[in-house]
PDB file of N, CA and C in Angstrom:
ATOM      1  N   MET A   1       0.823  -1.194   0.000  1.00  0.00           N
ATOM      2  CA  MET A   1       0.000   0.000   0.000  1.00  0.00           C
ATOM      3  C   MET A   1       0.865   1.254   0.000  1.00  0.00           C
ATOM      4  N   VAL A   2       1.878   1.301   0.871  1.00  0.00           N
ATOM      5  CA  VAL A   2       2.759   2.458   0.951  1.00  0.00           C
ATOM      6  C   VAL A   2       3.605   2.570  -0.311  1.00  0.00           C
ATOM      7  N   VAL A   3       4.025   1.420  -0.863  1.00  0.00           N
ATOM      8  CA  VAL A   3       4.816   1.419  -2.090  1.00  0.00           C
ATOM      9  C   VAL A   3       4.000   1.972  -3.244  1.00  0.00           C
ATOM     10  N   GLU A   4       2.740   1.586  -3.342  1.00  0.00           N
ATOM     11  CA  GLU A   4       1.878   2.098  -4.405  1.00  0.00           C
ATOM     12  C   GLU A   4       1.701   3.608  -4.284  1.00  0.00           C
ATOM     13  N   GLU A   5       1.511   4.093  -3.076  1.00  0.00           N
ATOM     14  CA  GLU A   5       1.347   5.527  -2.871  1.00  0.00           C
ATOM     15  C   GLU A   5       2.620   6.283  -3.240  1.00  0.00           C
ATOM     16  N   SER A   6       3.769   5.721  -2.907  1.00  0.00           N
ATOM     17  CA  SER A   6       5.044   6.351  -3.259  1.00  0.00           C
ATOM     18  C   SER A   6       5.235   6.385  -4.766  1.00  0.00           C
ATOM     19  N   LEU A   7       4.856   5.297  -5.433  1.00  0.00           N
ATOM     20  CA  LEU A   7       4.963   5.262  -6.889  1.00  0.00           C
ATOM     21  C   LEU A   7       4.033   6.282  -7.538  1.00  0.00           C
ATOM     22  N   ILE A   8       2.838   6.409  -7.010  1.00  0.00           N
ATOM     23  CA  ILE A   8       1.897   7.397  -7.542  1.00  0.00           C
ATOM     24  C   ILE A   8       2.435   8.802  -7.333  1.00  0.00           C
ATOM     25  N   ASN A   9       2.979   9.080  -6.151  1.00  0.00           N
ATOM     26  CA  ASN A   9       3.560  10.401  -5.887  1.00  0.00           C
ATOM     27  C   ASN A   9       4.720  10.687  -6.826  1.00  0.00           C
ATOM     28  N   LEU A  10       5.579   9.702  -7.084  1.00  0.00           N
ATOM     29  CA  LEU A  10       6.696   9.875  -8.005  1.00  0.00           C
ATOM     30  C   LEU A  10       6.197  10.117  -9.422  1.00  0.00           C
ATOM     31  N   LEU A  11       5.163   9.394  -9.824  1.00  0.00           N
ATOM     32  CA  LEU A  11       4.585   9.580 -11.153  1.00  0.00           C
ATOM     33  C   LEU A  11       3.986  10.976 -11.301  1.00  0.00           C
ATOM     34  N   VAL A  12       3.246  11.429 -10.302  1.00  0.00           N
ATOM     35  CA  VAL A  12       2.654  12.766 -10.346  1.00  0.00           C
ATOM     36  C   VAL A  12       3.750  13.827 -10.382  1.00  0.00           C
ATOM     37  N   PHE A  13       4.786  13.663  -9.555  1.00  0.00           N
ATOM     38  CA  PHE A  13       5.911  14.600  -9.536  1.00  0.00           C
ATOM     39  C   PHE A  13       6.565  14.658 -10.913  1.00  0.00           C
ATOM     40  N   SER A  14       6.790  13.502 -11.537  1.00  0.00           N
ATOM     41  CA  SER A  14       7.409  13.459 -12.867  1.00  0.00           C
ATOM     42  C   SER A  14       6.536  14.141 -13.910  1.00  0.00           C
ATOM     43  N   MET A  15       5.234  13.899 -13.840  1.00  0.00           N
ATOM     44  CA  MET A  15       4.324  14.524 -14.798  1.00  0.00           C
ATOM     45  C   MET A  15       4.275  16.038 -14.610  1.00  0.00           C
ATOM     46  N   LEU A  16       4.325  16.496 -13.377  1.00  0.00           N
ATOM     47  CA  LEU A  16       4.325  17.933 -13.116  1.00  0.00           C
ATOM     48  C   LEU A  16       5.541  18.594 -13.733  1.00  0.00           C
ATOM     49  N   ILE A  17       6.692  17.963 -13.581  1.00  0.00           N
ATOM     50  CA  ILE A  17       7.909  18.528 -14.154  1.00  0.00           C
ATOM     51  C   ILE A  17       7.836  18.520 -15.673  1.00  0.00           C
ATOM     52  N   ILE A  18       7.373  17.426 -16.246  1.00  0.00           N
ATOM     53  CA  ILE A  18       7.283  17.342 -17.707  1.00  0.00           C
ATOM     54  C   ILE A  18       6.308  18.377 -18.258  1.00  0.00           C
ATOM     55  N   PHE A  19       5.132  18.508 -17.637  1.00  0.00           N
ATOM     56  CA  PHE A  19       4.138  19.456 -18.131  1.00  0.00           C
ATOM     57  C   PHE A  19       4.513  20.911 -17.857  1.00  0.00           C
ATOM     58  N   SER A  20       5.380  21.156 -16.902  1.00  0.00           N
ATOM     59  CA  SER A  20       5.836  22.518 -16.634  1.00  0.00           C
ATOM     60  C   SER A  20       7.029  22.902 -17.502  1.00  0.00           C
ATOM     61  N   THR A  21       7.666  21.923 -18.114  1.00  0.00           N
ATOM     62  CA  THR A  21       8.845  22.187 -18.936  1.00  0.00           C
ATOM     63  C   THR A  21       8.489  22.974 -20.191  1.00  0.00           C
ATOM     64  N   LEU A  22       7.448  22.588 -20.875  1.00  0.00           N
ATOM     65  CA  LEU A  22       7.092  23.252 -22.133  1.00  0.00           C
ATOM     66  C   LEU A  22       6.753  24.732 -21.944  1.00  0.00           C
ATOM     67  N   PRO A  23       5.934  25.108 -20.956  1.00  0.00           N
ATOM     68  CA  PRO A  23       5.688  26.540 -20.758  1.00  0.00           C
ATOM     69  C   PRO A  23       6.966  27.327 -20.429  1.00  0.00           C
ATOM     70  N   LEU A  24       7.876  26.726 -19.660  1.00  0.00           N
ATOM     71  CA  LEU A  24       9.133  27.402 -19.362  1.00  0.00           C
ATOM     72  C   LEU A  24       9.970  27.550 -20.624  1.00  0.00           C
ATOM     73  N   TYR A  25      10.020  26.514 -21.437  1.00  0.00           N
ATOM     74  CA  TYR A  25      10.770  26.560 -22.694  1.00  0.00           C
ATOM     75  C   TYR A  25      10.251  27.673 -23.608  1.00  0.00           C
ATOM     76  N   VAL A  26       8.926  27.736 -23.741  1.00  0.00           N
ATOM     77  CA  VAL A  26       8.316  28.773 -24.582  1.00  0.00           C
ATOM     78  C   VAL A  26       8.623  30.159 -24.027  1.00  0.00           C
ATOM     79  N   SER A  27       8.551  30.323 -22.717  1.00  0.00           N
ATOM     80  CA  SER A  27       8.824  31.619 -22.091  1.00  0.00           C
ATOM     81  C   SER A  27      10.257  32.059 -22.341  1.00  0.00           C
ATOM     82  N   VAL A  28      11.195  31.139 -22.209  1.00  0.00           N
ATOM     83  CA  VAL A  28      12.609  31.472 -22.433  1.00  0.00           C
ATOM     84  C   VAL A  28      12.840  31.825 -23.897  1.00  0.00           C
ATOM     85  N   LYS A  29      12.257  31.061 -24.806  1.00  0.00           N
ATOM     86  CA  LYS A  29      12.434  31.324 -26.231  1.00  0.00           C
ATOM     87  C   LYS A  29      11.841  32.683 -26.629  1.00  0.00           C
ATOM     88  N   ILE A  30      10.705  33.064 -26.035  1.00  0.00           N
ATOM     89  CA  ILE A  30      10.086  34.353 -26.350  1.00  0.00           C
ATOM     90  C   ILE A  30      11.041  35.496 -26.013  1.00  0.00           C
ATOM     91  N   LEU A  31      11.779  35.367 -24.921  1.00  0.00           N
ATOM     92  CA  LEU A  31      12.679  36.438 -24.491  1.00  0.00           C
ATOM     93  C   LEU A  31      14.109  36.258 -24.983  1.00  0.00           C
ATOM     94  N   GLY A  32      14.338  35.325 -25.904  1.00  0.00           N
ATOM     95  CA  GLY A  32      15.636  35.198 -26.546  1.00  0.00           C
ATOM     96  C   GLY A  32      16.701  34.472 -25.743  1.00  0.00           C
ATOM     97  N   GLY A  33      16.301  33.676 -24.792  1.00  0.00           N
ATOM     98  CA  GLY A  33      17.270  32.901 -24.020  1.00  0.00           C
ATOM     99  C   GLY A  33      17.748  31.686 -24.781  1.00  0.00           C
ATOM    100  N   LYS A  34      18.858  31.127 -24.336  1.00  0.00           N
ATOM    101  CA  LYS A  34      19.405  29.929 -24.955  1.00  0.00           C
ATOM    102  C   LYS A  34      18.828  28.715 -24.236  1.00  0.00           C
ATOM    103  N   ALA A  35      17.921  28.022 -24.927  1.00  0.00           N
ATOM    104  CA  ALA A  35      17.233  26.904 -24.280  1.00  0.00           C
ATOM    105  C   ALA A  35      17.032  25.760 -25.258  1.00  0.00           C
ATOM    106  N   SER A  36      17.056  24.566 -24.721  1.00  0.00           N
ATOM    107  CA  SER A  36      16.620  23.363 -25.420  1.00  0.00           C
ATOM    108  C   SER A  36      15.644  22.666 -24.484  1.00  0.00           C
ATOM    109  N   LEU A  37      14.885  21.744 -25.022  1.00  0.00           N
ATOM    110  CA  LEU A  37      13.916  21.053 -24.172  1.00  0.00           C
ATOM    111  C   LEU A  37      14.610  20.252 -23.078  1.00  0.00           C
ATOM    112  N   LEU A  38      15.752  19.625 -23.392  1.00  0.00           N
ATOM    113  CA  LEU A  38      16.474  18.857 -22.384  1.00  0.00           C
ATOM    114  C   LEU A  38      17.018  19.773 -21.290  1.00  0.00           C
ATOM    115  N   LYS A  39      17.603  20.896 -21.691  1.00  0.00           N
ATOM    116  CA  LYS A  39      18.123  21.846 -20.701  1.00  0.00           C
ATOM    117  C   LYS A  39      16.994  22.378 -19.826  1.00  0.00           C
ATOM    118  N   THR A  40      15.858  22.675 -20.434  1.00  0.00           N
ATOM    119  CA  THR A  40      14.718  23.184 -19.686  1.00  0.00           C
ATOM    120  C   THR A  40      14.187  22.132 -18.714  1.00  0.00           C
ATOM    121  N   PHE A  41      14.142  20.881 -19.141  1.00  0.00           N
ATOM    122  CA  PHE A  41      13.711  19.805 -18.255  1.00  0.00           C
ATOM    123  C   PHE A  41      14.664  19.681 -17.067  1.00  0.00           C
ATOM    124  N   LEU A  42      15.961  19.742 -17.317  1.00  0.00           N
ATOM    125  CA  LEU A  42      16.930  19.651 -16.229  1.00  0.00           C
ATOM    126  C   LEU A  42      16.816  20.831 -15.272  1.00  0.00           C
ATOM    127  N   VAL A  43      16.548  22.022 -15.798  1.00  0.00           N
ATOM    128  CA  VAL A  43      16.327  23.193 -14.943  1.00  0.00           C
ATOM    129  C   VAL A  43      15.101  22.972 -14.067  1.00  0.00           C
ATOM    130  N   MET A  44      14.029  22.439 -14.644  1.00  0.00           N
ATOM    131  CA  MET A  44      12.823  22.165 -13.858  1.00  0.00           C
ATOM    132  C   MET A  44      13.119  21.168 -12.742  1.00  0.00           C
ATOM    133  N   LEU A  45      13.911  20.157 -13.042  1.00  0.00           N
ATOM    134  CA  LEU A  45      14.272  19.170 -12.030  1.00  0.00           C
ATOM    135  C   LEU A  45      15.101  19.806 -10.919  1.00  0.00           C
ATOM    136  N   ILE A  46      16.064  20.640 -11.287  1.00  0.00           N
ATOM    137  CA  ILE A  46      16.894  21.340 -10.300  1.00  0.00           C
ATOM    138  C   ILE A  46      16.035  22.254  -9.437  1.00  0.00           C
ATOM    139  N   ILE A  47      15.136  22.996 -10.073  1.00  0.00           N
ATOM    140  CA  ILE A  47      14.268  23.915  -9.339  1.00  0.00           C
ATOM    141  C   ILE A  47      13.407  23.148  -8.335  1.00  0.00           C
ATOM    142  N   ALA A  48      12.855  22.022  -8.745  1.00  0.00           N
ATOM    143  CA  ALA A  48      12.002  21.232  -7.851  1.00  0.00           C
ATOM    144  C   ALA A  48      12.790  20.735  -6.641  1.00  0.00           C
ATOM    145  N   ILE A  49      13.986  20.255  -6.875  1.00  0.00           N
ATOM    146  CA  ILE A  49      14.802  19.732  -5.772  1.00  0.00           C
ATOM    147  C   ILE A  49      15.233  20.854  -4.836  1.00  0.00           C
ATOM    148  N   VAL A  50      15.742  21.944  -5.404  1.00  0.00           N
ATOM    149  CA  VAL A  50      16.202  23.067  -4.581  1.00  0.00           C
ATOM    150  C   VAL A  50      15.045  23.649  -3.774  1.00  0.00           C
ATOM    151  N   SER A  51      13.894  23.820  -4.399  1.00  0.00           N
ATOM    152  CA  SER A  51      12.731  24.371  -3.693  1.00  0.00           C
ATOM    153  C   SER A  51      12.300  23.471  -2.546  1.00  0.00           C
ATOM    154  N   ALA A  52      12.261  22.172  -2.798  1.00  0.00           N
ATOM    155  CA  ALA A  52      11.845  21.239  -1.751  1.00  0.00           C
ATOM    156  C   ALA A  52      12.813  21.256  -0.572  1.00  0.00           C
ATOM    157  N   VAL A  53      14.107  21.291  -0.869  1.00  0.00           N
ATOM    158  CA  VAL A  53      15.113  21.312   0.204  1.00  0.00           C
ATOM    159  C   VAL A  53      15.017  22.606   0.999  1.00  0.00           C
ATOM    160  N   LEU A  54      14.933  23.739   0.295  1.00  0.00           N
ATOM    161  CA  LEU A  54      14.862  25.019   0.991  1.00  0.00           C
ATOM    162  C   LEU A  54      13.596  25.128   1.849  1.00  0.00           C
ATOM    163  N   LYS A  55      12.481  24.688   1.312  1.00  0.00           N
ATOM    164  CA  LYS A  55      11.224  24.790   2.061  1.00  0.00           C
ATOM    165  C   LYS A  55      11.191  23.847   3.263  1.00  0.00           C
ATOM    166  N   SER A  56      11.911  22.728   3.173  1.00  0.00           N
ATOM    167  CA  SER A  56      11.902  21.811   4.309  1.00  0.00           C
ATOM    168  C   SER A  56      12.847  22.265   5.414  1.00  0.00           C
ATOM    169  N   PHE A  57      13.979  22.880   5.051  1.00  0.00           N
ATOM    170  CA  PHE A  57      14.928  23.327   6.068  1.00  0.00           C
ATOM    171  C   PHE A  57      14.646  24.736   6.580  1.00  0.00           C
ATOM    172  N   LEU A  58      14.057  25.564   5.751  1.00  0.00           N
ATOM    173  CA  LEU A  58      13.732  26.940   6.129  1.00  0.00           C
ATOM    174  C   LEU A  58      12.257  27.210   5.827  1.00  0.00           C
ATOM    175  N   PRO A  59      11.353  26.710   6.630  1.00  0.00           N
ATOM    176  CA  PRO A  59       9.931  26.840   6.303  1.00  0.00           C
ATOM    177  C   PRO A  59       9.444  28.275   6.173  1.00  0.00           C
ATOM    178  N   SER A  60       9.975  29.187   6.966  1.00  0.00           N
ATOM    179  CA  SER A  60       9.464  30.559   6.920  1.00  0.00           C
ATOM    180  C   SER A  60      10.085  31.362   5.777  1.00  0.00           C
ATOM    181  N   LEU A  61      11.351  31.184   5.502  1.00  0.00           N
ATOM    182  CA  LEU A  61      12.020  31.945   4.445  1.00  0.00           C
ATOM    183  C   LEU A  61      12.279  31.121   3.191  1.00  0.00           C
ATOM    184  N   GLY A  62      11.969  29.852   3.219  1.00  0.00           N
ATOM    185  CA  GLY A  62      12.284  28.956   2.113  1.00  0.00           C
ATOM    186  C   GLY A  62      11.699  29.380   0.783  1.00  0.00           C
ATOM    187  N   THR A  63      10.459  29.851   0.797  1.00  0.00           N
ATOM    188  CA  THR A  63       9.813  30.255  -0.448  1.00  0.00           C
ATOM    189  C   THR A  63      10.488  31.475  -1.053  1.00  0.00           C
ATOM    190  N   LEU A  64      10.798  32.459  -0.256  1.00  0.00           N
ATOM    191  CA  LEU A  64      11.474  33.656  -0.758  1.00  0.00           C
ATOM    192  C   LEU A  64      12.860  33.320  -1.297  1.00  0.00           C
ATOM    193  N   ILE A  65      13.612  32.540  -0.553  1.00  0.00           N
ATOM    194  CA  ILE A  65      14.952  32.157  -1.003  1.00  0.00           C
ATOM    195  C   ILE A  65      14.861  31.303  -2.264  1.00  0.00           C
ATOM    196  N   ALA A  66      13.881  30.414  -2.336  1.00  0.00           N
ATOM    197  CA  ALA A  66      13.686  29.583  -3.530  1.00  0.00           C
ATOM    198  C   ALA A  66      13.378  30.453  -4.746  1.00  0.00           C
ATOM    199  N   TRP A  67      12.581  31.491  -4.559  1.00  0.00           N
ATOM    200  CA  TRP A  67      12.259  32.393  -5.669  1.00  0.00           C
ATOM    201  C   TRP A  67      13.510  33.119  -6.162  1.00  0.00           C
ATOM    202  N   ILE A  68      14.341  33.577  -5.246  1.00  0.00           N
ATOM    203  CA  ILE A  68      15.584  34.259  -5.618  1.00  0.00           C
ATOM    204  C   ILE A  68      16.528  33.298  -6.335  1.00  0.00           C
ATOM    205  N   VAL A  69      16.631  32.081  -5.817  1.00  0.00           N
ATOM    206  CA  VAL A  69      17.482  31.072  -6.465  1.00  0.00           C
ATOM    207  C   VAL A  69      16.942  30.732  -7.845  1.00  0.00           C
ATOM    208  N   LEU A  70      15.629  30.642  -7.989  1.00  0.00           N
ATOM    209  CA  LEU A  70      15.011  30.351  -9.278  1.00  0.00           C
ATOM    210  C   LEU A  70      15.370  31.418 -10.312  1.00  0.00           C
ATOM    211  N   ILE A  71      15.272  32.671  -9.944  1.00  0.00           N
ATOM    212  CA  ILE A  71      15.631  33.760 -10.858  1.00  0.00           C
ATOM    213  C   ILE A  71      17.114  33.672 -11.223  1.00  0.00           C
ATOM    214  N   TRP A  72      17.953  33.380 -10.239  1.00  0.00           N
ATOM    215  CA  TRP A  72      19.383  33.250 -10.498  1.00  0.00           C
ATOM    216  C   TRP A  72      19.667  32.084 -11.453  1.00  0.00           C
ATOM    217  N   ILE A  73      18.968  30.956 -11.260  1.00  0.00           N
ATOM    218  CA  ILE A  73      19.140  29.805 -12.154  1.00  0.00           C
ATOM    219  C   ILE A  73      18.728  30.169 -13.576  1.00  0.00           C
ATOM    220  N   PHE A  74      17.597  30.854 -13.723  1.00  0.00           N
ATOM    221  CA  PHE A  74      17.175  31.298 -15.052  1.00  0.00           C
ATOM    222  C   PHE A  74      18.234  32.193 -15.672  1.00  0.00           C
ATOM    223  N   HIS A  75      18.788  33.107 -14.892  1.00  0.00           N
ATOM    224  CA  HIS A  75      19.812  34.038 -15.371  1.00  0.00           C
ATOM    225  C   HIS A  75      21.047  33.281 -15.853  1.00  0.00           C
ATOM    226  N   GLU A  76      21.508  32.348 -15.061  1.00  0.00           N
ATOM    227  CA  GLU A  76      22.752  31.639 -15.367  1.00  0.00           C
ATOM    228  C   GLU A  76      22.599  30.622 -16.488  1.00  0.00           C
ATOM    229  N   ILE A  77      21.604  29.790 -16.414  1.00  0.00           N
ATOM    230  CA  ILE A  77      21.502  28.677 -17.359  1.00  0.00           C
ATOM    231  C   ILE A  77      20.965  29.119 -18.714  1.00  0.00           C
ATOM    232  N   PHE A  78      20.003  30.021 -18.725  1.00  0.00           N
ATOM    233  CA  PHE A  78      19.422  30.455 -19.992  1.00  0.00           C
ATOM    234  C   PHE A  78      20.092  31.713 -20.544  1.00  0.00           C
ATOM    235  N   ARG A  79      21.091  32.222 -19.839  1.00  0.00           N
ATOM    236  CA  ARG A  79      21.842  33.417 -20.268  1.00  0.00           C
ATOM    237  C   ARG A  79      20.920  34.615 -20.497  1.00  0.00           C
ATOM    238  N   LEU A  80      20.128  34.911 -19.481  1.00  0.00           N
ATOM    239  CA  LEU A  80      19.201  36.037 -19.532  1.00  0.00           C
ATOM    240  C   LEU A  80      19.646  37.104 -18.547  1.00  0.00           C
ATOM    241  N   LYS A  81      19.289  38.337 -18.830  1.00  0.00           N
ATOM    242  CA  LYS A  81      19.493  39.393 -17.846  1.00  0.00           C
ATOM    243  C   LYS A  81      18.479  39.174 -16.729  1.00  0.00           C
ATOM    244  N   TYR A  82      18.745  39.766 -15.568  1.00  0.00           N
ATOM    245  CA  TYR A  82      17.876  39.515 -14.418  1.00  0.00           C
ATOM    246  C   TYR A  82      16.439  39.959 -14.665  1.00  0.00           C
ATOM    247  N   TYR A  83      16.237  41.101 -15.304  1.00  0.00           N
ATOM    248  CA  TYR A  83      14.863  41.540 -15.546  1.00  0.00           C
ATOM    249  C   TYR A  83      14.155  40.590 -16.514  1.00  0.00           C
ATOM    250  N   LYS A  84      14.902  40.021 -17.480  1.00  0.00           N
ATOM    251  CA  LYS A  84      14.295  39.041 -18.380  1.00  0.00           C
ATOM    252  C   LYS A  84      14.007  37.732 -17.658  1.00  0.00           C
ATOM    253  N   ALA A  85      14.844  37.370 -16.708  1.00  0.00           N
ATOM    254  CA  ALA A  85      14.603  36.160 -15.918  1.00  0.00           C
ATOM    255  C   ALA A  85      13.315  36.303 -15.106  1.00  0.00           C
ATOM    256  N   ILE A  86      13.076  37.496 -14.578  1.00  0.00           N
ATOM    257  CA  ILE A  86      11.830  37.743 -13.837  1.00  0.00           C
ATOM    258  C   ILE A  86      10.630  37.677 -14.782  1.00  0.00           C
ATOM    259  N   ILE A  87      10.775  38.239 -15.978  1.00  0.00           N
ATOM    260  CA  ILE A  87       9.691  38.181 -16.963  1.00  0.00           C
ATOM    261  C   ILE A  87       9.432  36.735 -17.389  1.00  0.00           C
ATOM    262  N   VAL A  88      10.504  35.941 -17.551  1.00  0.00           N
ATOM    263  CA  VAL A  88      10.340  34.521 -17.880  1.00  0.00           C
ATOM    264  C   VAL A  88       9.548  33.823 -16.792  1.00  0.00           C
ATOM    265  N   TRP A  89       9.858  34.121 -15.539  1.00  0.00           N
ATOM    266  CA  TRP A  89       9.131  33.511 -14.422  1.00  0.00           C
ATOM    267  C   TRP A  89       7.644  33.862 -14.496  1.00  0.00           C
ATOM    268  N   ILE A  90       7.336  35.132 -14.766  1.00  0.00           N
ATOM    269  CA  ILE A  90       5.938  35.577 -14.858  1.00  0.00           C
ATOM    270  C   ILE A  90       5.240  34.896 -16.038  1.00  0.00           C
ATOM    271  N   LEU A  91       5.906  34.862 -17.210  1.00  0.00           N
ATOM    272  CA  LEU A  91       5.321  34.206 -18.380  1.00  0.00           C
ATOM    273  C   LEU A  91       5.113  32.713 -18.135  1.00  0.00           C
ATOM    274  N   TRP A  92       6.083  32.099 -17.482  1.00  0.00           N
ATOM    275  CA  TRP A  92       5.994  30.672 -17.190  1.00  0.00           C
ATOM    276  C   TRP A  92       4.760  30.377 -16.350  1.00  0.00           C
ATOM    277  N   ILE A  93       4.530  31.168 -15.309  1.00  0.00           N
ATOM    278  CA  ILE A  93       3.353  30.970 -14.468  1.00  0.00           C
ATOM    279  C   ILE A  93       2.073  31.213 -15.273  1.00  0.00           C
ATOM    280  N   PHE A  94       2.080  32.250 -16.103  1.00  0.00           N
ATOM    281  CA  PHE A  94       0.927  32.544 -16.945  1.00  0.00           C
ATOM    282  C   PHE A  94       0.615  31.359 -17.868  1.00  0.00           C
ATOM    283  N   PHE A  95       1.640  30.815 -18.538  1.00  0.00           N
ATOM    284  CA  PHE A  95       1.431  29.687 -19.442  1.00  0.00           C
ATOM    285  C   PHE A  95       0.983  28.428 -18.697  1.00  0.00           C
ATOM    286  N   VAL A  96       1.485  28.219 -17.485  1.00  0.00           N
ATOM    287  CA  VAL A  96       1.054  27.072 -16.684  1.00  0.00           C
ATOM    288  C   VAL A  96      -0.420  27.211 -16.315  1.00  0.00           C
ATOM    289  N   PHE A  97      -0.855  28.425 -15.967  1.00  0.00           N
ATOM    290  CA  PHE A  97      -2.275  28.638 -15.669  1.00  0.00           C
ATOM    291  C   PHE A  97      -3.129  28.365 -16.896  1.00  0.00           C
ATOM    292  N   ILE A  98      -2.676  28.809 -18.057  1.00  0.00           N
ATOM    293  CA  ILE A  98      -3.421  28.546 -19.296  1.00  0.00           C
ATOM    294  C   ILE A  98      -3.493  27.049 -19.558  1.00  0.00           C
ATOM    295  N   LEU A  99      -2.370  26.348 -19.394  1.00  0.00           N
ATOM    296  CA  LEU A  99      -2.351  24.904 -19.597  1.00  0.00           C
ATOM    297  C   LEU A  99      -3.270  24.195 -18.603  1.00  0.00           C
ATOM    298  N   THR A 100      -3.266  24.651 -17.366  1.00  0.00           N
ATOM    299  CA  THR A 100      -4.160  24.076 -16.351  1.00  0.00           C
ATOM    300  C   THR A 100      -5.616  24.291 -16.738  1.00  0.00           C
ATOM    301  N   PHE A 101      -5.934  25.481 -17.246  1.00  0.00           N
ATOM    302  CA  PHE A 101      -7.301  25.776 -17.683  1.00  0.00           C
ATOM    303  C   PHE A 101      -7.699  24.864 -18.835  1.00  0.00           C
ATOM    304  N   ILE A 102      -6.804  24.696 -19.804  1.00  0.00           N
ATOM    305  CA  ILE A 102      -7.102  23.826 -20.950  1.00  0.00           C
ATOM    306  C   ILE A 102      -7.315  22.387 -20.484  1.00  0.00           C
ATOM    307  N   LEU A 103      -6.468  21.919 -19.562  1.00  0.00           N
ATOM    308  CA  LEU A 103      -6.645  20.560 -19.038  1.00  0.00           C
ATOM    309  C   LEU A 103      -7.976  20.419 -18.313  1.00  0.00           C
ATOM    310  N   SER A 104      -8.403  21.479 -17.630  1.00  0.00           N
ATOM    311  CA  SER A 104      -9.676  21.408 -16.914  1.00  0.00           C
ATOM    312  C   SER A 104     -10.857  21.325 -17.888  1.00  0.00           C
ATOM    313  N   LEU A 105     -10.679  21.869 -19.091  1.00  0.00           N
ATOM    314  CA  LEU A 105     -11.738  21.755 -20.099  1.00  0.00           C
ATOM    315  C   LEU A 105     -11.942  20.302 -20.531  1.00  0.00           C
ATOM    316  N   PHE A 106     -10.893  19.501 -20.398  1.00  0.00           N
ATOM    317  CA  PHE A 106     -10.975  18.089 -20.766  1.00  0.00           C
ATOM    318  C   PHE A 106     -11.246  17.189 -19.568  1.00  0.00           C
ATOM    319  N   GLY A 107     -11.689  17.802 -18.459  1.00  0.00           N
ATOM    320  CA  GLY A 107     -12.054  17.012 -17.294  1.00  0.00           C
ATOM    321  C   GLY A 107     -10.908  16.643 -16.391  1.00  0.00           C
ATOM    322  N   LEU A 108      -9.788  17.304 -16.522  1.00  0.00           N
ATOM    323  CA  LEU A 108      -8.620  17.024 -15.683  1.00  0.00           C
ATOM    324  C   LEU A 108      -8.417  18.130 -14.653  1.00  0.00           C
ATOM    325  N   GLU A 109      -9.512  18.614 -14.083  1.00  0.00           N
ATOM    326  CA  GLU A 109      -9.424  19.729 -13.159  1.00  0.00           C
ATOM    327  C   GLU A 109      -8.710  19.393 -11.854  1.00  0.00           C
ATOM    328  N   SER A 110      -8.589  18.130 -11.531  1.00  0.00           N
ATOM    329  CA  SER A 110      -7.876  17.763 -10.307  1.00  0.00           C
ATOM    330  C   SER A 110      -6.383  17.622 -10.548  1.00  0.00           C
ATOM    331  N   PHE A 111      -5.926  17.823 -11.781  1.00  0.00           N
ATOM    332  CA  PHE A 111      -4.520  17.705 -12.107  1.00  0.00           C
ATOM    333  C   PHE A 111      -3.884  19.097 -12.047  1.00  0.00           C
ATOM    334  N   TYR A 112      -3.287  19.406 -10.910  1.00  0.00           N
ATOM    335  CA  TYR A 112      -2.680  20.726 -10.739  1.00  0.00           C
ATOM    336  C   TYR A 112      -1.216  20.682 -11.136  1.00  0.00           C
ATOM    337  N   LEU A 113      -0.748  21.734 -11.791  1.00  0.00           N
ATOM    338  CA  LEU A 113       0.623  21.734 -12.297  1.00  0.00           C
ATOM    339  C   LEU A 113       1.637  22.251 -11.305  1.00  0.00           C
ATOM    340  N   PHE A 114       1.211  22.889 -10.249  1.00  0.00           N
ATOM    341  CA  PHE A 114       2.160  23.285  -9.197  1.00  0.00           C
ATOM    342  C   PHE A 114       1.429  23.577  -7.938  1.00  0.00           C
TER     343      PHE A 114
END
């Protein structure tokens, strides 16, 4: 029973990263960053791990520090200026909301992307 639940959680986590990769890729490409789908997927994986670690060790400041680290990762890996990295973050969230809305039209309203 516990093994099945762990497998389901891992599957959901993997799907969240995969479905969040495309909106991030599109956002980076719109602002002229250097991105590939594989690089974007790896960034999503790094962001998920770093965010989880920061939030577990620093519950009160973890989210703020994770956001700053996320912007820095976008800046470094996609070769964007800081203001463009912030815009990429905003576009990424916007595209994820649109994707979530589209999925809800097909009856997948319980499938949240973040």
